PDB file of N, CA and C in Angstrom:
ATOM      1  N   UNK A   1       0.814  -1.192   0.000  1.00  0.00           N
ATOM      2  CA  UNK A   1       0.000   0.000   0.000  1.00  0.00           C
ATOM      3  C   UNK A   1       0.862   1.262   0.000  1.00  0.00           C
ATOM      4  N   UNK A   2       1.973   1.202   0.691  1.00  0.00           N
ATOM      5  CA  UNK A   2       2.853   2.370   0.763  1.00  0.00           C
ATOM      6  C   UNK A   2       3.414   2.729  -0.611  1.00  0.00           C
ATOM      7  N   UNK A   3       3.706   1.709  -1.406  1.00  0.00           N
ATOM      8  CA  UNK A   3       4.235   1.968  -2.752  1.00  0.00           C
ATOM      9  C   UNK A   3       3.200   2.721  -3.579  1.00  0.00           C
ATOM     10  N   UNK A   4       1.941   2.304  -3.484  1.00  0.00           N
ATOM     11  CA  UNK A   4       0.874   2.976  -4.233  1.00  0.00           C
ATOM     12  C   UNK A   4       0.726   4.431  -3.779  1.00  0.00           C
ATOM     13  N   UNK A   5       0.848   4.670  -2.493  1.00  0.00           N
ATOM     14  CA  UNK A   5       0.738   6.034  -1.968  1.00  0.00           C
ATOM     15  C   UNK A   5       1.875   6.915  -2.490  1.00  0.00           C
ATOM     16  N   UNK A   6       3.079   6.369  -2.505  1.00  0.00           N
ATOM     17  CA  UNK A   6       4.235   7.135  -2.986  1.00  0.00           C
ATOM     18  C   UNK A   6       4.071   7.447  -4.471  1.00  0.00           C
ATOM     19  N   UNK A   7       3.638   6.450  -5.262  1.00  0.00           N
ATOM     20  CA  UNK A   7       3.429   6.676  -6.695  1.00  0.00           C
ATOM     21  C   UNK A   7       2.336   7.717  -6.929  1.00  0.00           C
ATOM     22  N   UNK A   8       1.247   7.621  -6.171  1.00  0.00           N
ATOM     23  CA  UNK A   8       0.147   8.577  -6.321  1.00  0.00           C
ATOM     24  C   UNK A   8       0.618   9.991  -5.989  1.00  0.00           C
ATOM     25  N   UNK A   9       1.391  10.133  -4.939  1.00  0.00           N
ATOM     26  CA  UNK A   9       1.909  11.448  -4.564  1.00  0.00           C
ATOM     27  C   UNK A   9       2.806  12.006  -5.669  1.00  0.00           C
ATOM     28  N   UNK A  10       3.578  11.143  -6.291  1.00  0.00           N
ATOM     29  CA  UNK A  10       4.423  11.576  -7.403  1.00  0.00           C
ATOM     30  C   UNK A  10       3.596  12.105  -8.557  1.00  0.00           C
ATOM     31  N   UNK A  11       2.484  11.412  -8.878  1.00  0.00           N
ATOM     32  CA  UNK A  11       1.608  11.873  -9.958  1.00  0.00           C
ATOM     33  C   UNK A  11       0.939  13.195  -9.601  1.00  0.00           C
ATOM     34  N   UNK A  12       0.495  13.324  -8.366  1.00  0.00           N
ATOM     35  CA  UNK A  12      -0.140  14.573  -7.924  1.00  0.00           C
ATOM     36  C   UNK A  12       0.857  15.726  -8.010  1.00  0.00           C
ATOM     37  N   UNK A  13       2.074  15.488  -7.567  1.00  0.00           N
ATOM     38  CA  UNK A  13       3.105  16.533  -7.636  1.00  0.00           C
ATOM     39  C   UNK A  13       3.417  16.902  -9.082  1.00  0.00           C
ATOM     40  N   UNK A  14       3.450  15.910  -9.952  1.00  0.00           N
ATOM     41  CA  UNK A  14       3.744  16.196 -11.360  1.00  0.00           C
ATOM     42  C   UNK A  14       2.636  17.038 -11.983  1.00  0.00           C
ATOM     43  N   UNK A  15       1.378  16.692 -11.704  1.00  0.00           N
ATOM     44  CA  UNK A  15       0.252  17.472 -12.228  1.00  0.00           C
ATOM     45  C   UNK A  15       0.325  18.908 -11.714  1.00  0.00           C
ATOM     46  N   UNK A  16       0.633  19.056 -10.445  1.00  0.00           N
ATOM     47  CA  UNK A  16       0.760  20.395  -9.853  1.00  0.00           C
ATOM     48  C   UNK A  16       1.876  21.185 -10.543  1.00  0.00           C
ATOM     49  N   UNK A  17       3.011  20.538 -10.760  1.00  0.00           N
ATOM     50  CA  UNK A  17       4.134  21.202 -11.436  1.00  0.00           C
ATOM     51  C   UNK A  17       3.779  21.587 -12.867  1.00  0.00           C
ATOM     52  N   UNK A  18       3.030  20.741 -13.555  1.00  0.00           N
ATOM     53  CA  UNK A  18       2.611  21.052 -14.928  1.00  0.00           C
ATOM     54  C   UNK A  18       1.708  22.278 -14.924  1.00  0.00           C
ATOM     55  N   UNK A  19       0.792  22.334 -13.960  1.00  0.00           N
ATOM     56  CA  UNK A  19      -0.101  23.493 -13.867  1.00  0.00           C
ATOM     57  C   UNK A  19       0.675  24.779 -13.596  1.00  0.00           C
ATOM     58  N   UNK A  20       1.751  24.685 -12.828  1.00  0.00           N
ATOM     59  CA  UNK A  20       2.561  25.861 -12.507  1.00  0.00           C
ATOM     60  C   UNK A  20       3.595  26.172 -13.583  1.00  0.00           C
ATOM     61  N   UNK A  21       3.738  25.285 -14.557  1.00  0.00           N
ATOM     62  CA  UNK A  21       4.700  25.497 -15.626  1.00  0.00           C
ATOM     63  C   UNK A  21       6.114  25.067 -15.281  1.00  0.00           C
ATOM     64  N   UNK A  22       6.277  24.356 -14.176  1.00  0.00           N
ATOM     65  CA  UNK A  22       7.598  23.887 -13.759  1.00  0.00           C
ATOM     66  C   UNK A  22       8.029  22.691 -14.618  1.00  0.00           C
ATOM     67  N   UNK A  23       7.086  21.829 -14.938  1.00  0.00           N
ATOM     68  CA  UNK A  23       7.337  20.673 -15.797  1.00  0.00           C
ATOM     69  C   UNK A  23       6.398  20.750 -16.990  1.00  0.00           C
ATOM     70  N   UNK A  24       6.695  19.970 -18.008  1.00  0.00           N
ATOM     71  CA  UNK A  24       5.797  19.884 -19.155  1.00  0.00           C
ATOM     72  C   UNK A  24       5.176  18.496 -19.185  1.00  0.00           C
ATOM     73  N   UNK A  25       4.002  18.428 -19.760  1.00  0.00           N
ATOM     74  CA  UNK A  25       3.307  17.146 -19.862  1.00  0.00           C
ATOM     75  C   UNK A  25       4.069  16.231 -20.810  1.00  0.00           C
ATOM     76  N   UNK A  26       4.088  14.923 -20.526  1.00  0.00           N
ATOM     77  CA  UNK A  26       4.790  14.001 -21.415  1.00  0.00           C
ATOM     78  C   UNK A  26       4.070  13.878 -22.755  1.00  0.00           C
ATOM     79  N   UNK A  27       4.850  13.639 -23.803  1.00  0.00           N
ATOM     80  CA  UNK A  27       4.263  13.440 -25.122  1.00  0.00           C
ATOM     81  C   UNK A  27       3.592  12.076 -25.166  1.00  0.00           C
ATOM     82  N   UNK A  28       2.496  12.010 -25.879  1.00  0.00           N
ATOM     83  CA  UNK A  28       1.804  10.743 -26.067  1.00  0.00           C
ATOM     84  C   UNK A  28       2.283  10.112 -27.356  1.00  0.00           C
ATOM     85  N   UNK A  29       2.115   8.820 -27.441  1.00  0.00           N
ATOM     86  CA  UNK A  29       2.512   8.107 -28.654  1.00  0.00           C
ATOM     87  C   UNK A  29       1.606   8.514 -29.813  1.00  0.00           C
ATOM     88  N   UNK A  30       2.118   8.393 -31.003  1.00  0.00           N
ATOM     89  CA  UNK A  30       1.327   8.690 -32.190  1.00  0.00           C
ATOM     90  C   UNK A  30       0.158   7.711 -32.274  1.00  0.00           C
ATOM     91  N   UNK A  31      -0.928   8.159 -32.876  1.00  0.00           N
ATOM     92  CA  UNK A  31      -2.102   7.297 -33.040  1.00  0.00           C
ATOM     93  C   UNK A  31      -1.748   6.129 -33.955  1.00  0.00           C
ATOM     94  N   UNK A  32      -2.287   4.972 -33.636  1.00  0.00           N
ATOM     95  CA  UNK A  32      -2.029   3.772 -34.423  1.00  0.00           C
ATOM     96  C   UNK A  32      -3.231   3.515 -35.312  1.00  0.00           C
ATOM     97  N   UNK A  33      -2.988   3.384 -36.596  1.00  0.00           N
ATOM     98  CA  UNK A  33      -4.070   3.149 -37.555  1.00  0.00           C
ATOM     99  C   UNK A  33      -4.079   1.672 -37.910  1.00  0.00           C
ATOM    100  N   UNK A  34      -5.216   1.037 -37.686  1.00  0.00           N
ATOM    101  CA  UNK A  34      -5.331  -0.382 -38.032  1.00  0.00           C
ATOM    102  C   UNK A  34      -5.988  -0.527 -39.389  1.00  0.00           C
ATOM    103  N   UNK A  35      -5.636  -1.589 -40.054  1.00  0.00           N
ATOM    104  CA  UNK A  35      -6.237  -1.879 -41.345  1.00  0.00           C
ATOM    105  C   UNK A  35      -6.720  -3.316 -41.335  1.00  0.00           C
ATOM    106  N   UNK A  36      -7.942  -3.510 -41.784  1.00  0.00           N
ATOM    107  CA  UNK A  36      -8.496  -4.852 -41.901  1.00  0.00           C
ATOM    108  C   UNK A  36      -8.302  -5.286 -43.349  1.00  0.00           C
ATOM    109  N   UNK A  37      -7.630  -6.419 -43.551  1.00  0.00           N
ATOM    110  CA  UNK A  37      -7.406  -6.874 -44.919  1.00  0.00           C
ATOM    111  C   UNK A  37      -8.727  -7.133 -45.648  1.00  0.00           C
ATOM    112  N   UNK A  38      -8.748  -6.841 -46.940  1.00  0.00           N
ATOM    113  CA  UNK A  38      -9.955  -7.071 -47.741  1.00  0.00           C
ATOM    114  C   UNK A  38     -10.372  -8.531 -47.707  1.00  0.00           C
ATOM    115  N   UNK A  39      -9.406  -9.450 -47.688  1.00  0.00           N
ATOM    116  CA  UNK A  39      -9.734 -10.880 -47.650  1.00  0.00           C
ATOM    117  C   UNK A  39     -10.567 -11.214 -46.419  1.00  0.00           C
ATOM    118  N   UNK A  40     -10.250 -10.616 -45.284  1.00  0.00           N
ATOM    119  CA  UNK A  40     -11.014 -10.872 -44.066  1.00  0.00           C
ATOM    120  C   UNK A  40     -12.419 -10.296 -44.201  1.00  0.00           C
ATOM    121  N   UNK A  41     -12.518  -9.084 -44.706  1.00  0.00           N
ATOM    122  CA  UNK A  41     -13.827  -8.453 -44.885  1.00  0.00           C
ATOM    123  C   UNK A  41     -14.682  -9.267 -45.846  1.00  0.00           C
ATOM    124  N   UNK A  42     -14.094  -9.741 -46.921  1.00  0.00           N
ATOM    125  CA  UNK A  42     -14.834 -10.556 -47.887  1.00  0.00           C
ATOM    126  C   UNK A  42     -15.248 -11.884 -47.282  1.00  0.00           C
ATOM    127  N   UNK A  43     -14.439 -12.439 -46.397  1.00  0.00           N
ATOM    128  CA  UNK A  43     -14.747 -13.708 -45.746  1.00  0.00           C
ATOM    129  C   UNK A  43     -15.948 -13.568 -44.824  1.00  0.00           C
ATOM    130  N   UNK A  44     -16.043 -12.447 -44.148  1.00  0.00           N
ATOM    131  CA  UNK A  44     -17.138 -12.234 -43.195  1.00  0.00           C
ATOM    132  C   UNK A  44     -18.413 -12.018 -43.958  1.00  0.00           C
TER     133      UNK A  44
END
């Protein structure tokens, strides 16, 4: 339980720092585009 509390406090502090401009928000990964093969669509 203590580990979860420490991690949560770290996230709260990071959000607070982002709001104050001390830190920047982490970049998110690029969106992943999925493609369904025509053969599968034709099979269904």
